[in-house]
Protein backbone atom coordinates (compact mmCIF):
# COMPACT_ATOMS: atom_id res chain seq x y z
CA UNK A 1 -239.15 0.76 1.15
CA UNK A 2 -239.03 -2.47 3.16
CA UNK A 3 -240.42 -5.57 2.96
CA UNK A 4 -242.38 -5.57 5.54
CA UNK A 5 -242.06 -4.42 9.00
CA UNK A 6 -243.86 -7.74 10.48
CA UNK A 7 -241.04 -9.40 8.17
CA UNK A 8 -238.10 -7.60 9.53
CA UNK A 9 -239.53 -8.39 12.80
CA UNK A 10 -240.08 -12.28 12.77
CA UNK A 11 -236.33 -12.11 11.14
CA UNK A 12 -235.18 -10.17 14.28
CA UNK A 13 -236.81 -12.71 17.14
CA UNK A 14 -234.72 -15.74 18.99
CA UNK A 15 -235.07 -17.72 21.93
CA UNK A 16 -235.57 -16.24 25.24
CA UNK A 17 -231.90 -16.42 27.27
CA UNK A 18 -233.68 -15.34 30.36
CA UNK A 19 -233.57 -12.18 32.09
CA UNK A 20 -230.58 -10.07 33.67
CA UNK A 21 -230.68 -7.16 35.39
CA UNK A 22 -227.96 -4.53 34.86
CA UNK A 23 -226.75 -2.34 37.70
CA UNK A 24 -228.87 0.79 36.73
CA UNK A 25 -232.79 -1.92 37.39
CA UNK A 26 -233.30 -2.79 40.78
CA UNK A 27 -235.81 -5.07 40.40
CA UNK A 28 -237.91 -7.01 37.73
CA UNK A 29 -241.34 -7.44 38.62
CA UNK A 30 -244.13 -9.63 36.48
CA UNK A 31 -247.23 -8.09 36.89
CA UNK A 32 -249.55 -9.68 34.16
CA UNK A 33 -249.09 -13.04 32.07
CA UNK A 34 -250.84 -15.27 29.91
CA UNK A 35 -251.35 -12.21 27.37
CA UNK A 36 -251.77 -12.88 23.26
CA UNK A 37 -249.07 -11.12 21.10
CA UNK A 38 -248.66 -8.29 23.49
CA UNK A 39 -247.28 -4.94 21.72
CA UNK A 40 -247.87 -1.38 22.63
CA UNK A 41 -248.15 0.05 26.13
CA UNK A 42 -249.17 3.32 27.58
CA UNK A 43 -250.74 4.98 30.51
CA UNK A 44 -254.33 6.45 30.33
CA UNK A 45 -254.73 9.82 32.04
CA UNK A 46 -255.95 8.53 35.05
CA UNK A 47 -253.59 6.41 35.85
CA UNK A 48 -254.20 2.95 34.46
CA UNK A 49 -251.75 1.12 32.21
CA UNK A 50 -253.30 -0.33 28.72
CA UNK A 51 -251.64 -3.05 26.29
CA UNK A 52 -252.57 -3.80 22.91
CA UNK A 53 -252.77 -7.75 22.44
CA UNK A 54 -252.64 -8.95 18.59
CA UNK A 55 -254.28 -11.59 19.67
CA UNK A 56 -254.88 -15.32 18.44
CA UNK A 57 -255.81 -15.04 14.47
CA UNK A 58 -258.91 -17.43 13.75
CA UNK A 59 -259.73 -19.87 11.07
CA UNK A 60 -259.74 -17.25 8.74
CA UNK A 61 -259.78 -15.77 5.87
CA UNK A 62 -255.97 -16.04 5.46
CA UNK A 63 -253.31 -14.49 3.11
CA UNK A 64 -249.90 -15.24 2.38
CA UNK A 65 -247.62 -13.26 4.64
CA UNK A 66 -245.09 -11.18 2.59
CA UNK A 67 -241.95 -12.90 4.01
CA UNK A 68 -240.20 -16.11 2.68
CA UNK A 69 -241.20 -18.42 2.44
CA UNK A 70 -244.85 -16.74 2.11
CA UNK A 71 -246.71 -18.84 5.04
CA UNK A 72 -250.32 -18.11 5.54
CA UNK A 73 -251.31 -16.03 8.06
CA UNK A 74 -255.12 -16.31 9.00
CA UNK A 75 -257.84 -13.85 10.58
CA UNK A 76 -259.61 -14.04 13.75
CA UNK A 77 -261.38 -11.14 15.83
CA UNK A 78 -259.30 -12.10 19.07
CA UNK A 79 -257.25 -8.81 19.02
CA UNK A 80 -257.69 -6.57 22.25
CA UNK A 81 -257.03 -3.77 23.95
CA UNK A 82 -256.27 -4.78 27.72
CA UNK A 83 -255.99 -2.97 31.01
CA UNK A 84 -253.21 -4.30 33.58
CA UNK A 85 -253.43 -5.11 36.99
CA UNK A 86 -256.47 -3.03 37.75
CA UNK A 87 -257.28 -1.98 41.28
CA UNK A 88 -253.46 -3.23 41.77
CA UNK A 89 -253.85 -6.78 41.32
CA UNK A 90 -251.35 -8.84 39.32
CA UNK A 91 -253.24 -9.68 36.23
CA UNK A 92 -255.39 -8.01 33.62
CA UNK A 93 -259.03 -7.20 32.54
CA UNK A 94 -259.44 -7.19 28.33
CA UNK A 95 -261.50 -3.79 27.91
CA UNK A 96 -262.07 -3.98 23.99
CA UNK A 97 -262.55 -7.36 22.29
CA UNK A 98 -263.26 -8.39 19.02
CA UNK A 99 -260.15 -6.37 17.13
CA UNK A 100 -258.80 -8.04 13.65
CA UNK A 101 -256.09 -10.53 14.41
CA UNK A 102 -253.42 -11.76 11.83
CA UNK A 103 -251.50 -14.76 13.10
CA UNK A 104 -249.07 -17.38 11.51
CA UNK A 105 -249.36 -21.16 12.44
CA UNK A 106 -246.85 -20.62 14.74
CA UNK A 107 -248.73 -18.22 17.03
CA UNK A 108 -246.85 -15.13 15.90
CA UNK A 109 -248.89 -12.38 14.99
CA UNK A 110 -248.38 -10.11 11.95
CA UNK A 111 -251.28 -7.85 12.06
CA UNK A 112 -253.53 -6.33 14.38
CA UNK A 113 -253.34 -4.35 17.16
CA UNK A 114 -249.77 -2.97 17.29
CA UNK A 115 -249.64 0.47 19.43
CA UNK A 116 -251.98 2.71 21.38
CA UNK A 117 -252.19 6.49 22.44
CA UNK A 118 -254.48 8.02 24.57
CA UNK A 119 -256.06 11.39 24.21
CA UNK A 120 -258.15 12.01 26.84
CA UNK A 121 -259.61 8.75 28.05
CA UNK A 122 -259.96 7.68 24.48
CA UNK A 123 -257.44 5.41 23.11
CA UNK A 124 -256.29 5.19 19.55
CA UNK A 125 -254.80 2.21 18.40
CA UNK A 126 -252.96 0.70 15.03
CA UNK A 127 -253.92 -2.12 13.88
CA UNK A 128 -250.69 -3.05 11.93
CA UNK A 129 -250.96 -5.07 8.00
CA UNK A 130 -247.53 -5.36 6.96
CA UNK A 131 -247.15 -5.63 2.87
CA UNK A 132 -249.65 -4.26 -0.08
CA UNK A 133 -252.28 -2.55 1.06
CA UNK A 134 -253.77 -4.07 -2.12
CA UNK A 135 -253.74 -7.72 -0.41
CA UNK A 136 -256.34 -6.94 2.33
CA UNK A 137 -258.49 -7.84 -0.17
CA UNK A 138 -257.88 -11.85 0.16
CA UNK A 139 -259.25 -11.49 3.48
CA UNK A 140 -262.47 -9.98 2.06
CA UNK A 141 -264.68 -7.43 3.99
CA UNK A 142 -262.42 -7.85 7.14
CA UNK A 143 -259.31 -6.92 5.10
CA UNK A 144 -260.68 -3.39 5.24
CA UNK A 145 -260.27 -3.15 9.35
CA UNK A 146 -256.13 -3.63 8.46
CA UNK A 147 -254.01 -0.87 8.17
CA UNK A 148 -256.07 1.57 9.78
CA UNK A 149 -256.36 3.80 13.40
CA UNK A 150 -259.22 2.85 14.83
CA UNK A 151 -260.30 5.09 18.31
CA UNK A 152 -261.52 3.38 21.62
CA UNK A 153 -263.70 4.44 24.16
CA UNK A 154 -263.98 4.14 27.57
CA UNK A 155 -267.00 1.79 27.37
CA UNK A 156 -265.11 -0.49 25.19
CA UNK A 157 -266.83 0.38 21.88
CA UNK A 158 -264.73 0.87 18.96
CA UNK A 159 -264.73 2.18 15.37
CA UNK A 160 -262.58 2.44 12.24
CA UNK A 161 -261.31 6.16 12.16
CA UNK A 162 -258.56 6.48 9.10
CA UNK A 163 -257.41 4.01 6.64
CA UNK A 164 -253.25 5.22 7.16
CA UNK A 165 -252.39 2.59 4.34
CA UNK A 166 -254.59 3.83 1.67
CA UNK A 167 -252.11 6.93 2.27
CA UNK A 168 -249.36 4.59 0.84
CA UNK A 169 -251.32 3.26 -1.86
CA UNK A 170 -252.18 6.78 -3.40
CA UNK A 171 -248.94 8.48 -2.58
CA UNK A 172 -245.63 6.40 -1.69
CA UNK A 173 -244.06 8.89 0.21
CA UNK A 174 -240.72 7.28 0.25
CA UNK A 175 -240.97 5.59 -3.56
CA UNK A 176 -240.00 2.01 -4.24
CA UNK A 177 -242.29 -0.55 -3.49
CA UNK A 178 -245.64 -0.22 -2.41
CA UNK A 179 -245.58 -1.22 1.77
CA UNK A 180 -247.22 -0.15 5.02
CA UNK A 181 -247.28 -1.16 8.32
CA UNK A 182 -248.76 1.44 10.31
CA UNK A 183 -246.86 0.61 14.22
CA UNK A 184 -246.27 3.50 15.89
CA UNK A 185 -249.33 5.87 16.85
CA UNK A 186 -249.18 9.29 18.76
CA UNK A 187 -252.32 11.51 20.01
CA UNK A 188 -252.14 15.02 19.80
CA UNK A 189 -254.96 17.93 19.96
CA UNK A 190 -256.52 17.36 16.57
CA UNK A 191 -253.77 15.33 14.99
CA UNK A 192 -252.41 11.53 15.00
CA UNK A 193 -249.10 10.61 14.28
CA UNK A 194 -248.38 7.39 13.08
CA UNK A 195 -245.26 5.65 12.22
CA UNK A 196 -245.71 3.39 9.66
CA UNK A 197 -243.07 0.87 9.44
CA UNK A 198 -243.49 -0.05 5.73
CA UNK A 199 -243.92 3.42 4.13
CA UNK A 200 -240.58 4.79 6.29
CA UNK A 201 -242.53 7.82 6.53
CA UNK A 202 -244.47 9.42 9.59
CA UNK A 203 -248.18 9.81 8.36
CA UNK A 204 -250.43 12.56 10.13
CA UNK A 205 -254.19 12.18 10.03
CA UNK A 206 -256.18 15.15 10.82
CA UNK A 207 -259.27 15.17 13.05
CA UNK A 208 -261.60 15.31 9.70
CA UNK A 209 -259.99 12.22 8.68
CA UNK A 210 -257.37 13.49 6.15
CA UNK A 211 -254.06 11.92 5.92
CA UNK A 212 -250.42 13.61 4.80
CA UNK A 213 -247.25 12.96 4.62
CA UNK A 214 -245.47 14.67 7.91
CA UNK A 215 -242.10 13.28 7.24
CA UNK A 216 -239.95 10.85 5.62
CA UNK A 217 -236.93 9.14 6.93
CA UNK A 218 -233.91 8.59 5.00
CA UNK A 219 -232.14 5.45 4.28
CA UNK A 220 -230.48 4.13 7.37
CA UNK A 221 -227.16 3.93 6.12
CA UNK A 222 -224.85 3.96 2.91
CA UNK A 223 -225.86 0.91 1.86
CA UNK A 224 -229.23 2.16 1.31
CA UNK A 225 -231.10 -0.07 4.08
CA UNK A 226 -234.94 0.99 5.20
CA UNK A 227 -234.76 3.30 8.07
CA UNK A 228 -238.04 1.39 9.43
CA UNK A 229 -239.66 3.94 12.01
CA UNK A 230 -241.73 1.80 14.79
CA UNK A 231 -242.76 4.63 17.39
CA UNK A 232 -243.14 7.84 17.81
CA UNK A 233 -243.59 9.86 21.14
CA UNK A 234 -243.46 13.97 21.62
CA UNK A 235 -240.36 15.04 24.06
CA UNK A 236 -240.66 17.81 26.64
CA UNK A 237 -239.48 20.57 23.90
CA UNK A 238 -242.38 19.83 21.87
CA UNK A 239 -240.38 17.90 19.00
CA UNK A 240 -241.52 14.21 18.36
CA UNK A 241 -238.94 11.76 19.09
CA UNK A 242 -238.88 8.50 16.54
CA UNK A 243 -237.68 5.20 17.05
CA UNK A 244 -235.35 3.17 13.78
CA UNK A 245 -235.23 -0.22 13.54
CA UNK A 246 -233.55 -0.08 9.98
CA UNK A 247 -234.13 -2.90 7.35
CA UNK A 248 -232.53 -6.60 7.75
CA UNK A 249 -230.03 -7.34 8.33
CA UNK A 250 -230.15 -5.36 11.58
CA UNK A 251 -226.16 -4.40 11.91
CA UNK A 252 -224.94 -3.77 15.36
CA UNK A 253 -224.79 -0.39 16.26
CA UNK A 254 -226.48 1.48 13.46
CA UNK A 255 -230.31 2.12 14.33
CA UNK A 256 -230.79 5.60 15.68
CA UNK A 257 -233.60 8.02 17.75
CA UNK A 258 -234.35 10.90 15.34
CA UNK A 259 -235.78 14.92 16.23
CA UNK A 260 -238.55 15.44 14.11
CA UNK A 261 -239.72 19.10 14.46
CA UNK A 262 -243.76 18.90 15.26
CA UNK A 263 -244.85 20.06 11.69
CA UNK A 264 -242.08 18.08 9.96
CA UNK A 265 -239.99 20.89 8.90
CA UNK A 266 -236.98 19.41 10.00
CA UNK A 267 -235.56 16.31 11.28
CA UNK A 268 -232.28 15.08 12.44
CA UNK A 269 -230.49 12.33 14.44
CA UNK A 270 -230.92 12.71 18.31
CA UNK A 271 -229.20 9.54 19.12
CA UNK A 272 -227.18 6.77 17.67
CA UNK A 273 -225.39 3.67 18.21
CA UNK A 274 -228.68 1.49 19.31
CA UNK A 275 -229.67 -1.95 17.47
CA UNK A 276 -233.13 -2.62 16.05
CA UNK A 277 -235.29 -0.41 17.88
CA UNK A 278 -239.15 -1.41 18.53
CA UNK A 279 -240.00 1.25 20.85
CA UNK A 280 -239.28 4.48 22.71
CA UNK A 281 -239.75 6.60 25.49
CA UNK A 282 -238.60 10.00 26.64
CA UNK A 283 -238.83 11.60 30.23
CA UNK A 284 -239.51 15.00 31.34
CA UNK A 285 -235.70 15.55 31.31
CA UNK A 286 -235.34 13.86 27.45
CA UNK A 287 -233.53 10.80 29.31
CA UNK A 288 -234.01 8.05 26.46
CA UNK A 289 -235.65 4.84 27.07
CA UNK A 290 -235.03 2.53 24.06
CA UNK A 291 -236.31 -1.01 23.47
CA UNK A 292 -234.23 -3.43 21.08
CA UNK A 293 -235.74 -6.88 19.85
CA UNK A 294 -232.21 -7.83 18.69
CA UNK A 295 -228.31 -7.69 19.38
CA UNK A 296 -227.57 -6.87 15.85
CA UNK A 297 -224.83 -9.11 13.49
CA UNK A 298 -221.53 -7.74 12.65
CA UNK A 299 -219.98 -7.95 8.60
CA UNK A 300 -219.77 -9.90 7.34
CA UNK A 301 -222.92 -11.56 7.34
CA UNK A 302 -222.56 -14.85 9.73
CA UNK A 303 -224.84 -18.07 9.89
CA UNK A 304 -227.71 -17.39 12.12
CA UNK A 305 -227.29 -18.15 15.69
CA UNK A 306 -230.26 -18.17 19.00
CA UNK A 307 -228.02 -15.00 20.48
CA UNK A 308 -228.94 -12.60 17.26
CA UNK A 309 -232.52 -12.14 19.10
CA UNK A 310 -231.78 -11.49 23.02
CA UNK A 311 -233.64 -8.05 23.38
CA UNK A 312 -232.37 -5.07 25.87
CA UNK A 313 -233.58 -2.23 27.52
CA UNK A 314 -231.17 0.54 27.29
CA UNK A 315 -230.74 4.31 28.85
CA UNK A 316 -229.41 7.15 27.76
CA UNK A 317 -229.67 9.74 30.05
CA UNK A 318 -229.69 13.24 28.55
CA UNK A 319 -226.18 14.32 27.72
CA UNK A 320 -224.76 10.58 28.93
CA UNK A 321 -223.54 7.58 27.03
CA UNK A 322 -226.43 4.40 26.32
CA UNK A 323 -226.86 2.05 29.41
CA UNK A 324 -228.23 -1.32 29.41
CA UNK A 325 -231.07 -1.73 32.02
CA UNK A 326 -232.01 -5.20 31.28
CA UNK A 327 -231.46 -7.76 28.54
CA UNK A 328 -232.13 -11.46 27.89
CA UNK A 329 -235.92 -9.68 26.71
CA UNK A 330 -237.66 -11.98 23.91
CA UNK A 331 -239.36 -10.03 21.64
CA UNK A 332 -240.00 -7.27 24.36
CA UNK A 333 -242.37 -4.41 21.45
CA UNK A 334 -243.38 -2.03 24.25
CA UNK A 335 -241.96 0.30 26.77
CA UNK A 336 -243.78 3.06 28.53
CA UNK A 337 -242.90 5.22 31.84
CA UNK A 338 -244.78 4.89 34.89
CA UNK A 339 -246.12 7.93 36.85
CA UNK A 340 -243.97 6.55 39.95
CA UNK A 341 -240.83 6.61 37.99
CA UNK A 342 -240.55 2.74 37.07
CA UNK A 343 -240.61 1.27 33.76
CA UNK A 344 -242.64 -1.03 32.47
CA UNK A 345 -242.77 -2.85 29.19
CA UNK A 346 -244.62 -6.09 27.26
CA UNK A 347 -242.49 -9.14 26.57
CA UNK A 348 -242.94 -12.33 24.63
CA UNK A 349 -244.41 -10.02 22.09
CA UNK A 350 -244.79 -13.22 19.53
CA UNK A 351 -246.26 -15.32 22.13
CA UNK A 352 -249.72 -16.42 21.34
CA UNK A 353 -250.05 -17.60 25.31
CA UNK A 354 -247.04 -16.39 27.07
CA UNK A 355 -246.95 -12.74 26.60
CA UNK A 356 -246.18 -10.77 29.86
CA UNK A 357 -245.90 -7.23 31.10
CA UNK A 358 -242.56 -6.58 33.47
CA UNK A 359 -242.26 -3.79 35.74
CA UNK A 360 -238.77 -2.63 36.22
CA UNK A 361 -237.75 -0.19 38.96
CA UNK A 362 -234.45 1.96 37.91
CA UNK A 363 -231.92 4.13 39.76
CA UNK A 364 -232.56 7.89 38.33
CA UNK A 365 -230.57 9.45 35.85
CA UNK A 366 -227.91 11.81 37.53
């Protein structure tokens, strides 16, 4: 089990060194800036682009982070579901506000709206937690909002649907210490599938609000590091594709993309050789767009340095080898494929004031 995906993400963050486009990325454009801890990104069926903002937290109540040296992270109703570039004009509009947010004194969020997926025009949003679900009681009544899946209507009205973290508390599907962080979400007809990065499992929530374990990922390597699933998406073959962060330390080339049968009956490594994957998109041709938040470390364990946190957008065309489309990213937390064939991603995902959305034009796979 993991020590919390929030902690693992914090370990992977470092200083941005500037964007560098590679041969397959023709241009990079910032279409929104000034976002607060932006994470997931997705298109609605009508073509509108949305992101989740984890927000800026607030005055409290507070609870301790599960990551050494255990600083306080404080609550505020500052999270949001945000429409990007409405009407084609650069910028953003917060559609649903007042979502729960849990933020460190540094401004980096450790809990709140982390990912989204649409079924029709209704959005389903995971509210990340990170840690033992019992510690949510530290926050009083608002603690029950974390570790959940919420529903957001087009009007911006929202309500909690399912307590995903309670599934870990009751079932602990992967064994080990109780730890939960509902992070990635895929909404399908009659079911919602959550990648719980703390529980190391895919949790399915049915329309009646019940949960069950769909799949448990095995350890990342013979050393027993946690697999840490961060996102789940559906491929053109109807299977589920799951990205893997891995537990700390983030050894170079040890993260994989898993293919899981839709009913969870079998799972296998589909592509490997990546590092610290935070999100994943799969095209209609089964091309992979992989977002990495760290370049990774090389054994033996080296001392920290600022270069370890540089993120990348990597593509692997079906049947091909991975290629870097864009690097120099600073905690780029979410990636989506646009209907026009371009790639969209959130960047500066741990900044309370400087989060942004990038539009990346890329050449087509052969």
